[in-house]
Amino acid sequence: MQLLQQIRDNIAKAACDDQQQCKTIGIGLKACGGPELYLAWSNLATNAELLNSLSQRYRSLREAQIKASGEISNCMAIKDPGAYCQFPAEKPTMGTCQLGLEGVNIAK
């Protein structure tokens, strides 16, 4: 979806130089409630206001799609995996925000 791509573009590379800059945001909506997935983002490099606005628009769009189609989901809650700043060996002063290990398989 175009709106989901806008969210990903706003997050971009999620650059960080400190663990405290890394955050997560729940994206979308499952038919039984709760987000479809989580994305890691950086408050150093991401426009938080725009990210929240895009996220709310996407959630509303998903809610309308679910109601219109009668979509069902597995109703499994997805736990917020948290985020951390991963520093590459070649440049240990600038990293990227990554989902915690529990989120590796859900943020495709």
PDB file of N, CA and C in Angstrom:
ATOM      1  N   MET A   1       0.841  -1.187   0.000  1.00  0.00           N
ATOM      2  CA  MET A   1       0.000   0.000   0.000  1.00  0.00           C
ATOM      3  C   MET A   1       0.879   1.242   0.000  1.00  0.00           C
ATOM      4  N   GLN A   2       0.393   2.251  -0.660  1.00  0.00           N
ATOM      5  CA  GLN A   2       1.145   3.486  -0.781  1.00  0.00           C
ATOM      6  C   GLN A   2       1.369   4.160   0.579  1.00  0.00           C
ATOM      7  N   LEU A   3       0.363   4.148   1.429  1.00  0.00           N
ATOM      8  CA  LEU A   3       0.476   4.782   2.740  1.00  0.00           C
ATOM      9  C   LEU A   3       1.516   4.074   3.614  1.00  0.00           C
ATOM     10  N   LEU A   4       1.543   2.761   3.555  1.00  0.00           N
ATOM     11  CA  LEU A   4       2.552   2.011   4.308  1.00  0.00           C
ATOM     12  C   LEU A   4       3.951   2.364   3.809  1.00  0.00           C
ATOM     13  N   GLN A   5       4.111   2.543   2.511  1.00  0.00           N
ATOM     14  CA  GLN A   5       5.410   2.940   1.966  1.00  0.00           C
ATOM     15  C   GLN A   5       5.794   4.340   2.434  1.00  0.00           C
ATOM     16  N   GLN A   6       4.830   5.237   2.550  1.00  0.00           N
ATOM     17  CA  GLN A   6       5.108   6.575   3.066  1.00  0.00           C
ATOM     18  C   GLN A   6       5.621   6.489   4.518  1.00  0.00           C
ATOM     19  N   ILE A   7       5.034   5.590   5.290  1.00  0.00           N
ATOM     20  CA  ILE A   7       5.486   5.393   6.671  1.00  0.00           C
ATOM     21  C   ILE A   7       6.932   4.918   6.667  1.00  0.00           C
ATOM     22  N   ARG A   8       7.220   3.926   5.855  1.00  0.00           N
ATOM     23  CA  ARG A   8       8.593   3.393   5.772  1.00  0.00           C
ATOM     24  C   ARG A   8       9.565   4.465   5.275  1.00  0.00           C
ATOM     25  N   ASP A   9       9.144   5.265   4.298  1.00  0.00           N
ATOM     26  CA  ASP A   9      10.000   6.343   3.780  1.00  0.00           C
ATOM     27  C   ASP A   9      10.277   7.385   4.853  1.00  0.00           C
ATOM     28  N   ASN A  10       9.278   7.702   5.677  1.00  0.00           N
ATOM     29  CA  ASN A  10       9.468   8.676   6.752  1.00  0.00           C
ATOM     30  C   ASN A  10      10.476   8.163   7.789  1.00  0.00           C
ATOM     31  N   ILE A  11      10.416   6.875   8.075  1.00  0.00           N
ATOM     32  CA  ILE A  11      11.362   6.279   9.011  1.00  0.00           C
ATOM     33  C   ILE A  11      12.755   6.216   8.395  1.00  0.00           C
ATOM     34  N   ALA A  12      12.819   5.978   7.094  1.00  0.00           N
ATOM     35  CA  ALA A  12      14.073   5.882   6.337  1.00  0.00           C
ATOM     36  C   ALA A  12      15.027   4.887   6.986  1.00  0.00           C
ATOM     37  N   LYS A  13      16.251   5.297   7.221  1.00  0.00           N
ATOM     38  CA  LYS A  13      17.258   4.385   7.775  1.00  0.00           C
ATOM     39  C   LYS A  13      17.252   4.343   9.300  1.00  0.00           C
ATOM     40  N   ALA A  14      16.458   5.180   9.936  1.00  0.00           N
ATOM     41  CA  ALA A  14      16.354   5.209  11.406  1.00  0.00           C
ATOM     42  C   ALA A  14      17.725   5.350  12.068  1.00  0.00           C
ATOM     43  N   ALA A  15      18.478   6.342  11.623  1.00  0.00           N
ATOM     44  CA  ALA A  15      19.827   6.571  12.150  1.00  0.00           C
ATOM     45  C   ALA A  15      19.788   6.923  13.639  1.00  0.00           C
ATOM     46  N   CYS A  16      20.770   6.421  14.370  1.00  0.00           N
ATOM     47  CA  CYS A  16      20.853   6.691  15.809  1.00  0.00           C
ATOM     48  C   CYS A  16      22.313   6.731  16.239  1.00  0.00           C
ATOM     49  N   ASP A  17      22.571   7.470  17.300  1.00  0.00           N
ATOM     50  CA  ASP A  17      23.895   7.437  17.912  1.00  0.00           C
ATOM     51  C   ASP A  17      23.789   7.183  19.417  1.00  0.00           C
ATOM     52  N   ASP A  18      22.562   6.816  19.849  1.00  0.00           N
ATOM     53  CA  ASP A  18      22.300   6.544  21.265  1.00  0.00           C
ATOM     54  C   ASP A  18      21.091   5.610  21.362  1.00  0.00           C
ATOM     55  N   GLN A  19      21.119   4.678  22.301  1.00  0.00           N
ATOM     56  CA  GLN A  19      20.019   3.718  22.468  1.00  0.00           C
ATOM     57  C   GLN A  19      18.682   4.409  22.734  1.00  0.00           C
ATOM     58  N   GLN A  20      18.707   5.536  23.448  1.00  0.00           N
ATOM     59  CA  GLN A  20      17.470   6.222  23.826  1.00  0.00           C
ATOM     60  C   GLN A  20      16.727   6.810  22.631  1.00  0.00           C
ATOM     61  N   GLN A  21      17.362   6.917  21.488  1.00  0.00           N
ATOM     62  CA  GLN A  21      16.722   7.483  20.297  1.00  0.00           C
ATOM     63  C   GLN A  21      15.826   6.472  19.589  1.00  0.00           C
ATOM     64  N   CYS A  22      15.965   5.202  19.885  1.00  0.00           N
ATOM     65  CA  CYS A  22      15.218   4.157  19.180  1.00  0.00           C
ATOM     66  C   CYS A  22      13.872   3.897  19.851  1.00  0.00           C
ATOM     67  N   LYS A  23      12.838   3.904  19.035  1.00  0.00           N
ATOM     68  CA  LYS A  23      11.462   3.709  19.484  1.00  0.00           C
ATOM     69  C   LYS A  23      10.791   2.690  18.568  1.00  0.00           C
ATOM     70  N   THR A  24       9.624   2.228  18.974  1.00  0.00           N
ATOM     71  CA  THR A  24       8.810   1.380  18.104  1.00  0.00           C
ATOM     72  C   THR A  24       7.449   2.032  17.923  1.00  0.00           C
ATOM     73  N   ILE A  25       6.806   1.672  16.817  1.00  0.00           N
ATOM     74  CA  ILE A  25       5.447   2.125  16.577  1.00  0.00           C
ATOM     75  C   ILE A  25       4.659   0.956  16.004  1.00  0.00           C
ATOM     76  N   GLY A  26       3.448   0.763  16.552  1.00  0.00           N
ATOM     77  CA  GLY A  26       2.545  -0.249  16.035  1.00  0.00           C
ATOM     78  C   GLY A  26       1.903   0.268  14.763  1.00  0.00           C
ATOM     79  N   ILE A  27       1.869  -0.567  13.742  1.00  0.00           N
ATOM     80  CA  ILE A  27       1.364  -0.168  12.424  1.00  0.00           C
ATOM     81  C   ILE A  27       0.164  -1.026  12.042  1.00  0.00           C
ATOM     82  N   GLY A  28      -0.849  -0.371  11.493  1.00  0.00           N
ATOM     83  CA  GLY A  28      -2.015  -1.082  10.969  1.00  0.00           C
ATOM     84  C   GLY A  28      -2.949  -1.548  12.061  1.00  0.00           C
ATOM     85  N   LEU A  29      -3.780  -2.496  11.693  1.00  0.00           N
ATOM     86  CA  LEU A  29      -4.785  -3.027  12.604  1.00  0.00           C
ATOM     87  C   LEU A  29      -5.139  -4.439  12.187  1.00  0.00           C
ATOM     88  N   LYS A  30      -5.162  -5.336  13.138  1.00  0.00           N
ATOM     89  CA  LYS A  30      -5.660  -6.691  12.889  1.00  0.00           C
ATOM     90  C   LYS A  30      -7.168  -6.680  13.126  1.00  0.00           C
ATOM     91  N   ALA A  31      -7.869  -7.587  12.505  1.00  0.00           N
ATOM     92  CA  ALA A  31      -9.328  -7.635  12.631  1.00  0.00           C
ATOM     93  C   ALA A  31      -9.779  -7.780  14.082  1.00  0.00           C
ATOM     94  N   CYS A  32      -9.028  -8.495  14.889  1.00  0.00           N
ATOM     95  CA  CYS A  32      -9.382  -8.674  16.299  1.00  0.00           C
ATOM     96  C   CYS A  32      -8.831  -7.562  17.187  1.00  0.00           C
ATOM     97  N   GLY A  33      -8.131  -6.620  16.601  1.00  0.00           N
ATOM     98  CA  GLY A  33      -7.546  -5.519  17.360  1.00  0.00           C
ATOM     99  C   GLY A  33      -6.041  -5.649  17.469  1.00  0.00           C
ATOM    100  N   GLY A  34      -5.411  -4.563  17.812  1.00  0.00           N
ATOM    101  CA  GLY A  34      -3.960  -4.525  17.932  1.00  0.00           C
ATOM    102  C   GLY A  34      -3.294  -4.319  16.591  1.00  0.00           C
ATOM    103  N   PRO A  35      -2.029  -3.921  16.606  1.00  0.00           N
ATOM    104  CA  PRO A  35      -1.311  -3.640  15.361  1.00  0.00           C
ATOM    105  C   PRO A  35      -0.970  -4.902  14.576  1.00  0.00           C
ATOM    106  N   GLU A  36      -0.800  -4.720  13.268  1.00  0.00           N
ATOM    107  CA  GLU A  36      -0.378  -5.810  12.384  1.00  0.00           C
ATOM    108  C   GLU A  36       1.100  -6.108  12.548  1.00  0.00           C
ATOM    109  N   LEU A  37       1.871  -5.055  12.781  1.00  0.00           N
ATOM    110  CA  LEU A  37       3.313  -5.196  12.908  1.00  0.00           C
ATOM    111  C   LEU A  37       3.877  -3.982  13.635  1.00  0.00           C
ATOM    112  N   TYR A  38       5.129  -4.090  14.005  1.00  0.00           N
ATOM    113  CA  TYR A  38       5.843  -2.978  14.627  1.00  0.00           C
ATOM    114  C   TYR A  38       7.014  -2.599  13.741  1.00  0.00           C
ATOM    115  N   LEU A  39       7.333  -1.318  13.731  1.00  0.00           N
ATOM    116  CA  LEU A  39       8.520  -0.822  13.038  1.00  0.00           C
ATOM    117  C   LEU A  39       9.377  -0.057  14.035  1.00  0.00           C
ATOM    118  N   ALA A  40      10.691  -0.148  13.854  1.00  0.00           N
ATOM    119  CA  ALA A  40      11.629   0.628  14.662  1.00  0.00           C
ATOM    120  C   ALA A  40      11.859   1.959  13.965  1.00  0.00           C
ATOM    121  N   TRP A  41      11.984   3.019  14.781  1.00  0.00           N
ATOM    122  CA  TRP A  41      12.266   4.342  14.230  1.00  0.00           C
ATOM    123  C   TRP A  41      13.147   5.112  15.198  1.00  0.00           C
ATOM    124  N   SER A  42      13.727   6.193  14.712  1.00  0.00           N
ATOM    125  CA  SER A  42      14.648   6.984  15.512  1.00  0.00           C
ATOM    126  C   SER A  42      14.118   8.398  15.689  1.00  0.00           C
ATOM    127  N   ASN A  43      14.095   8.877  16.933  1.00  0.00           N
ATOM    128  CA  ASN A  43      13.656  10.260  17.134  1.00  0.00           C
ATOM    129  C   ASN A  43      14.753  11.255  16.752  1.00  0.00           C
ATOM    130  N   LEU A  44      15.932  10.767  16.395  1.00  0.00           N
ATOM    131  CA  LEU A  44      16.992  11.610  15.864  1.00  0.00           C
ATOM    132  C   LEU A  44      16.730  11.934  14.391  1.00  0.00           C
ATOM    133  N   ALA A  45      16.222  10.951  13.655  1.00  0.00           N
ATOM    134  CA  ALA A  45      16.147  11.076  12.202  1.00  0.00           C
ATOM    135  C   ALA A  45      14.738  11.064  11.624  1.00  0.00           C
ATOM    136  N   THR A  46      13.724  10.858  12.438  1.00  0.00           N
ATOM    137  CA  THR A  46      12.359  10.710  11.943  1.00  0.00           C
ATOM    138  C   THR A  46      11.476  11.850  12.439  1.00  0.00           C
ATOM    139  N   ASN A  47      10.616  12.331  11.571  1.00  0.00           N
ATOM    140  CA  ASN A  47       9.631  13.339  11.940  1.00  0.00           C
ATOM    141  C   ASN A  47       8.514  12.610  12.688  1.00  0.00           C
ATOM    142  N   ALA A  48       8.539  12.670  14.013  1.00  0.00           N
ATOM    143  CA  ALA A  48       7.597  11.916  14.850  1.00  0.00           C
ATOM    144  C   ALA A  48       6.154  12.335  14.598  1.00  0.00           C
ATOM    145  N   GLU A  49       5.914  13.618  14.420  1.00  0.00           N
ATOM    146  CA  GLU A  49       4.552  14.099  14.185  1.00  0.00           C
ATOM    147  C   GLU A  49       3.998  13.539  12.884  1.00  0.00           C
ATOM    148  N   LEU A  50       4.812  13.564  11.829  1.00  0.00           N
ATOM    149  CA  LEU A  50       4.383  13.007  10.549  1.00  0.00           C
ATOM    150  C   LEU A  50       4.189  11.497  10.664  1.00  0.00           C
ATOM    151  N   LEU A  51       5.101  10.821  11.343  1.00  0.00           N
ATOM    152  CA  LEU A  51       4.987   9.371  11.518  1.00  0.00           C
ATOM    153  C   LEU A  51       3.693   9.007  12.229  1.00  0.00           C
ATOM    154  N   ASN A  52       3.362   9.702  13.297  1.00  0.00           N
ATOM    155  CA  ASN A  52       2.122   9.423  14.023  1.00  0.00           C
ATOM    156  C   ASN A  52       0.896   9.705  13.165  1.00  0.00           C
ATOM    157  N   SER A  53       0.930  10.771  12.399  1.00  0.00           N
ATOM    158  CA  SER A  53      -0.183  11.104  11.515  1.00  0.00           C
ATOM    159  C   SER A  53      -0.380  10.035  10.440  1.00  0.00           C
ATOM    160  N   LEU A  54       0.704   9.636   9.792  1.00  0.00           N
ATOM    161  CA  LEU A  54       0.624   8.593   8.762  1.00  0.00           C
ATOM    162  C   LEU A  54       0.150   7.271   9.366  1.00  0.00           C
ATOM    163  N   SER A  55       0.646   6.956  10.548  1.00  0.00           N
ATOM    164  CA  SER A  55       0.261   5.716  11.223  1.00  0.00           C
ATOM    165  C   SER A  55      -1.232   5.704  11.537  1.00  0.00           C
ATOM    166  N   GLN A  56      -1.758   6.818  12.029  1.00  0.00           N
ATOM    167  CA  GLN A  56      -3.188   6.911  12.329  1.00  0.00           C
ATOM    168  C   GLN A  56      -4.026   6.793  11.054  1.00  0.00           C
ATOM    169  N   ARG A  57      -3.575   7.432   9.970  1.00  0.00           N
ATOM    170  CA  ARG A  57      -4.292   7.322   8.690  1.00  0.00           C
ATOM    171  C   ARG A  57      -4.312   5.880   8.200  1.00  0.00           C
ATOM    172  N   TYR A  58      -3.173   5.197   8.313  1.00  0.00           N
ATOM    173  CA  TYR A  58      -3.094   3.810   7.871  1.00  0.00           C
ATOM    174  C   TYR A  58      -3.989   2.922   8.735  1.00  0.00           C
ATOM    175  N   ARG A  59      -4.003   3.157  10.032  1.00  0.00           N
ATOM    176  CA  ARG A  59      -4.863   2.382  10.927  1.00  0.00           C
ATOM    177  C   ARG A  59      -6.333   2.580  10.558  1.00  0.00           C
ATOM    178  N   SER A  60      -6.722   3.815  10.293  1.00  0.00           N
ATOM    179  CA  SER A  60      -8.108   4.105   9.901  1.00  0.00           C
ATOM    180  C   SER A  60      -8.459   3.436   8.574  1.00  0.00           C
ATOM    181  N   LEU A  61      -7.521   3.460   7.636  1.00  0.00           N
ATOM    182  CA  LEU A  61      -7.734   2.801   6.355  1.00  0.00           C
ATOM    183  C   LEU A  61      -7.923   1.300   6.547  1.00  0.00           C
ATOM    184  N   ARG A  62      -7.067   0.694   7.362  1.00  0.00           N
ATOM    185  CA  ARG A  62      -7.196  -0.748   7.629  1.00  0.00           C
ATOM    186  C   ARG A  62      -8.512  -1.070   8.321  1.00  0.00           C
ATOM    187  N   GLU A  63      -8.935  -0.222   9.238  1.00  0.00           N
ATOM    188  CA  GLU A  63     -10.204  -0.436   9.932  1.00  0.00           C
ATOM    189  C   GLU A  63     -11.361  -0.438   8.934  1.00  0.00           C
ATOM    190  N   ALA A  64     -11.355   0.499   8.002  1.00  0.00           N
ATOM    191  CA  ALA A  64     -12.401   0.562   6.974  1.00  0.00           C
ATOM    192  C   ALA A  64     -12.350  -0.666   6.067  1.00  0.00           C
ATOM    193  N   GLN A  65     -11.154  -1.095   5.695  1.00  0.00           N
ATOM    194  CA  GLN A  65     -11.005  -2.286   4.850  1.00  0.00           C
ATOM    195  C   GLN A  65     -11.529  -3.530   5.565  1.00  0.00           C
ATOM    196  N   ILE A  66     -11.212  -3.655   6.828  1.00  0.00           N
ATOM    197  CA  ILE A  66     -11.654  -4.818   7.610  1.00  0.00           C
ATOM    198  C   ILE A  66     -13.175  -4.854   7.698  1.00  0.00           C
ATOM    199  N   LYS A  67     -13.784  -3.702   7.969  1.00  0.00           N
ATOM    200  CA  LYS A  67     -15.244  -3.637   8.057  1.00  0.00           C
ATOM    201  C   LYS A  67     -15.901  -3.936   6.722  1.00  0.00           C
ATOM    202  N   ALA A  68     -15.335  -3.397   5.644  1.00  0.00           N
ATOM    203  CA  ALA A  68     -15.924  -3.583   4.314  1.00  0.00           C
ATOM    204  C   ALA A  68     -15.806  -5.022   3.815  1.00  0.00           C
ATOM    205  N   SER A  69     -14.703  -5.684   4.153  1.00  0.00           N
ATOM    206  CA  SER A  69     -14.459  -7.021   3.608  1.00  0.00           C
ATOM    207  C   SER A  69     -14.869  -8.149   4.547  1.00  0.00           C
ATOM    208  N   GLY A  70     -15.086  -7.840   5.820  1.00  0.00           N
ATOM    209  CA  GLY A  70     -15.373  -8.891   6.786  1.00  0.00           C
ATOM    210  C   GLY A  70     -14.139  -9.706   7.119  1.00  0.00           C
ATOM    211  N   GLU A  71     -12.979  -9.138   6.885  1.00  0.00           N
ATOM    212  CA  GLU A  71     -11.709  -9.812   7.142  1.00  0.00           C
ATOM    213  C   GLU A  71     -11.653 -10.331   8.579  1.00  0.00           C
ATOM    214  N   ILE A  72     -11.027 -11.489   8.734  1.00  0.00           N
ATOM    215  CA  ILE A  72     -10.787 -12.042  10.063  1.00  0.00           C
ATOM    216  C   ILE A  72      -9.280 -12.223  10.234  1.00  0.00           C
ATOM    217  N   SER A  73      -8.845 -12.321  11.469  1.00  0.00           N
ATOM    218  CA  SER A  73      -7.421 -12.552  11.720  1.00  0.00           C
ATOM    219  C   SER A  73      -7.274 -13.645  12.757  1.00  0.00           C
ATOM    220  N   ASN A  74      -6.041 -13.999  13.043  1.00  0.00           N
ATOM    221  CA  ASN A  74      -5.791 -15.079  13.997  1.00  0.00           C
ATOM    222  C   ASN A  74      -5.952 -14.627  15.452  1.00  0.00           C
ATOM    223  N   CYS A  75      -6.169 -13.361  15.675  1.00  0.00           N
ATOM    224  CA  CYS A  75      -6.409 -12.789  17.002  1.00  0.00           C
ATOM    225  C   CYS A  75      -5.237 -12.950  17.964  1.00  0.00           C
ATOM    226  N   MET A  76      -4.070 -13.317  17.463  1.00  0.00           N
ATOM    227  CA  MET A  76      -2.881 -13.388  18.313  1.00  0.00           C
ATOM    228  C   MET A  76      -2.332 -11.985  18.509  1.00  0.00           C
ATOM    229  N   ALA A  77      -2.159 -11.605  19.747  1.00  0.00           N
ATOM    230  CA  ALA A  77      -1.579 -10.298  20.039  1.00  0.00           C
ATOM    231  C   ALA A  77      -0.096 -10.325  19.698  1.00  0.00           C
ATOM    232  N   ILE A  78       0.368  -9.244  19.104  1.00  0.00           N
ATOM    233  CA  ILE A  78       1.787  -9.116  18.792  1.00  0.00           C
ATOM    234  C   ILE A  78       2.404  -8.196  19.839  1.00  0.00           C
ATOM    235  N   LYS A  79       3.330  -8.719  20.583  1.00  0.00           N
ATOM    236  CA  LYS A  79       3.994  -7.956  21.645  1.00  0.00           C
ATOM    237  C   LYS A  79       4.954  -6.933  21.027  1.00  0.00           C
ATOM    238  N   ASP A  80       4.960  -5.740  21.604  1.00  0.00           N
ATOM    239  CA  ASP A  80       5.914  -4.724  21.181  1.00  0.00           C
ATOM    240  C   ASP A  80       7.316  -5.262  21.467  1.00  0.00           C
ATOM    241  N   PRO A  81       8.144  -5.433  20.426  1.00  0.00           N
ATOM    242  CA  PRO A  81       9.460  -6.034  20.625  1.00  0.00           C
ATOM    243  C   PRO A  81      10.525  -5.079  21.159  1.00  0.00           C
ATOM    244  N   GLY A  82      10.194  -3.795  21.242  1.00  0.00           N
ATOM    245  CA  GLY A  82      11.203  -2.827  21.641  1.00  0.00           C
ATOM    246  C   GLY A  82      12.188  -2.592  20.509  1.00  0.00           C
ATOM    247  N   ALA A  83      13.055  -1.617  20.692  1.00  0.00           N
ATOM    248  CA  ALA A  83      14.036  -1.293  19.661  1.00  0.00           C
ATOM    249  C   ALA A  83      15.368  -0.957  20.309  1.00  0.00           C
ATOM    250  N   TYR A  84      16.415  -1.124  19.546  1.00  0.00           N
ATOM    251  CA  TYR A  84      17.756  -0.817  20.035  1.00  0.00           C
ATOM    252  C   TYR A  84      18.584  -0.235  18.892  1.00  0.00           C
ATOM    253  N   CYS A  85      19.646   0.455  19.231  1.00  0.00           N
ATOM    254  CA  CYS A  85      20.546   1.037  18.241  1.00  0.00           C
ATOM    255  C   CYS A  85      21.664   0.035  17.964  1.00  0.00           C
ATOM    256  N   GLN A  86      21.725  -0.430  16.736  1.00  0.00           N
ATOM    257  CA  GLN A  86      22.760  -1.383  16.343  1.00  0.00           C
ATOM    258  C   GLN A  86      23.882  -0.611  15.653  1.00  0.00           C
ATOM    259  N   PHE A  87      25.077  -0.725  16.209  1.00  0.00           N
ATOM    260  CA  PHE A  87      26.231  -0.016  15.681  1.00  0.00           C
ATOM    261  C   PHE A  87      27.078  -0.967  14.834  1.00  0.00           C
ATOM    262  N   PRO A  88      27.336  -0.621  13.574  1.00  0.00           N
ATOM    263  CA  PRO A  88      28.188  -1.481  12.744  1.00  0.00           C
ATOM    264  C   PRO A  88      29.655  -1.367  13.162  1.00  0.00           C
ATOM    265  N   ALA A  89      30.402  -2.415  12.972  1.00  0.00           N
ATOM    266  CA  ALA A  89      31.815  -2.429  13.365  1.00  0.00           C
ATOM    267  C   ALA A  89      32.614  -1.363  12.628  1.00  0.00           C
ATOM    268  N   GLU A  90      32.261  -1.119  11.360  1.00  0.00           N
ATOM    269  CA  GLU A  90      33.037  -0.163  10.571  1.00  0.00           C
ATOM    270  C   GLU A  90      32.771   1.301  10.942  1.00  0.00           C
ATOM    271  N   LYS A  91      31.650   1.586  11.606  1.00  0.00           N
ATOM    272  CA  LYS A  91      31.349   2.964  12.021  1.00  0.00           C
ATOM    273  C   LYS A  91      30.613   2.904  13.360  1.00  0.00           C
ATOM    274  N   PRO A  92      31.341   2.667  14.444  1.00  0.00           N
ATOM    275  CA  PRO A  92      30.698   2.446  15.745  1.00  0.00           C
ATOM    276  C   PRO A  92      30.078   3.681  16.397  1.00  0.00           C
ATOM    277  N   THR A  93      30.109   4.827  15.722  1.00  0.00           N
ATOM    278  CA  THR A  93      29.502   6.030  16.296  1.00  0.00           C
ATOM    279  C   THR A  93      28.131   6.335  15.732  1.00  0.00           C
ATOM    280  N   MET A  94      27.742   5.685  14.638  1.00  0.00           N
ATOM    281  CA  MET A  94      26.416   5.913  14.047  1.00  0.00           C
ATOM    282  C   MET A  94      25.801   4.570  13.691  1.00  0.00           C
ATOM    283  N   GLY A  95      24.618   4.325  14.239  1.00  0.00           N
ATOM    284  CA  GLY A  95      23.956   3.053  14.000  1.00  0.00           C
ATOM    285  C   GLY A  95      22.586   3.235  13.393  1.00  0.00           C
ATOM    286  N   THR A  96      21.806   2.172  13.405  1.00  0.00           N
ATOM    287  CA  THR A  96      20.419   2.205  12.945  1.00  0.00           C
ATOM    288  C   THR A  96      19.541   1.511  13.969  1.00  0.00           C
ATOM    289  N   CYS A  97      18.356   2.038  14.150  1.00  0.00           N
ATOM    290  CA  CYS A  97      17.406   1.427  15.080  1.00  0.00           C
ATOM    291  C   CYS A  97      16.871   0.139  14.475  1.00  0.00           C
ATOM    292  N   GLN A  98      16.864  -0.900  15.276  1.00  0.00           N
ATOM    293  CA  GLN A  98      16.390  -2.223  14.870  1.00  0.00           C
ATOM    294  C   GLN A  98      15.352  -2.698  15.874  1.00  0.00           C
ATOM    295  N   LEU A  99      14.433  -3.531  15.411  1.00  0.00           N
ATOM    296  CA  LEU A  99      13.486  -4.148  16.328  1.00  0.00           C
ATOM    297  C   LEU A  99      14.207  -5.119  17.233  1.00  0.00           C
ATOM    298  N   GLY A 100      13.693  -5.275  18.449  1.00  0.00           N
ATOM    299  CA  GLY A 100      14.204  -6.301  19.340  1.00  0.00           C
ATOM    300  C   GLY A 100      13.989  -7.665  18.703  1.00  0.00           C
ATOM    301  N   LEU A 101      14.630  -8.662  19.200  1.00  0.00           N
ATOM    302  CA  LEU A 101      14.596  -9.999  18.575  1.00  0.00           C
ATOM    303  C   LEU A 101      13.194 -10.553  18.405  1.00  0.00           C
ATOM    304  N   GLU A 102      12.268 -10.227  19.289  1.00  0.00           N
ATOM    305  CA  GLU A 102      10.915 -10.752  19.158  1.00  0.00           C
ATOM    306  C   GLU A 102      10.223 -10.201  17.920  1.00  0.00           C
ATOM    307  N   GLY A 103      10.694  -9.074  17.372  1.00  0.00           N
ATOM    308  CA  GLY A 103      10.032  -8.456  16.236  1.00  0.00           C
ATOM    309  C   GLY A 103      10.648  -8.780  14.893  1.00  0.00           C
ATOM    310  N   VAL A 104      11.703  -9.587  14.868  1.00  0.00           N
ATOM    311  CA  VAL A 104      12.409  -9.842  13.637  1.00  0.00           C
ATOM    312  C   VAL A 104      11.496 -10.419  12.556  1.00  0.00           C
ATOM    313  N   ASN A 105      10.629 -11.333  12.898  1.00  0.00           N
ATOM    314  CA  ASN A 105       9.801 -12.004  11.901  1.00  0.00           C
ATOM    315  C   ASN A 105       8.507 -11.272  11.567  1.00  0.00           C
ATOM    316  N   ILE A 106       8.179 -10.207  12.276  1.00  0.00           N
ATOM    317  CA  ILE A 106       6.906  -9.556  12.013  1.00  0.00           C
ATOM    318  C   ILE A 106       7.025  -8.237  11.274  1.00  0.00           C
ATOM    319  N   ALA A 107       8.179  -7.649  11.189  1.00  0.00           N
ATOM    320  CA  ALA A 107       8.347  -6.365  10.503  1.00  0.00           C
ATOM    321  C   ALA A 107       8.987  -6.611   9.146  1.00  0.00           C
ATOM    322  N   LYS A 108       8.216  -7.081   8.232  1.00  0.00           N
ATOM    323  CA  LYS A 108       8.719  -7.438   6.903  1.00  0.00           C
ATOM    324  C   LYS A 108       8.850  -6.227   6.037  1.00  0.00           C
TER     325      LYS A 108
END
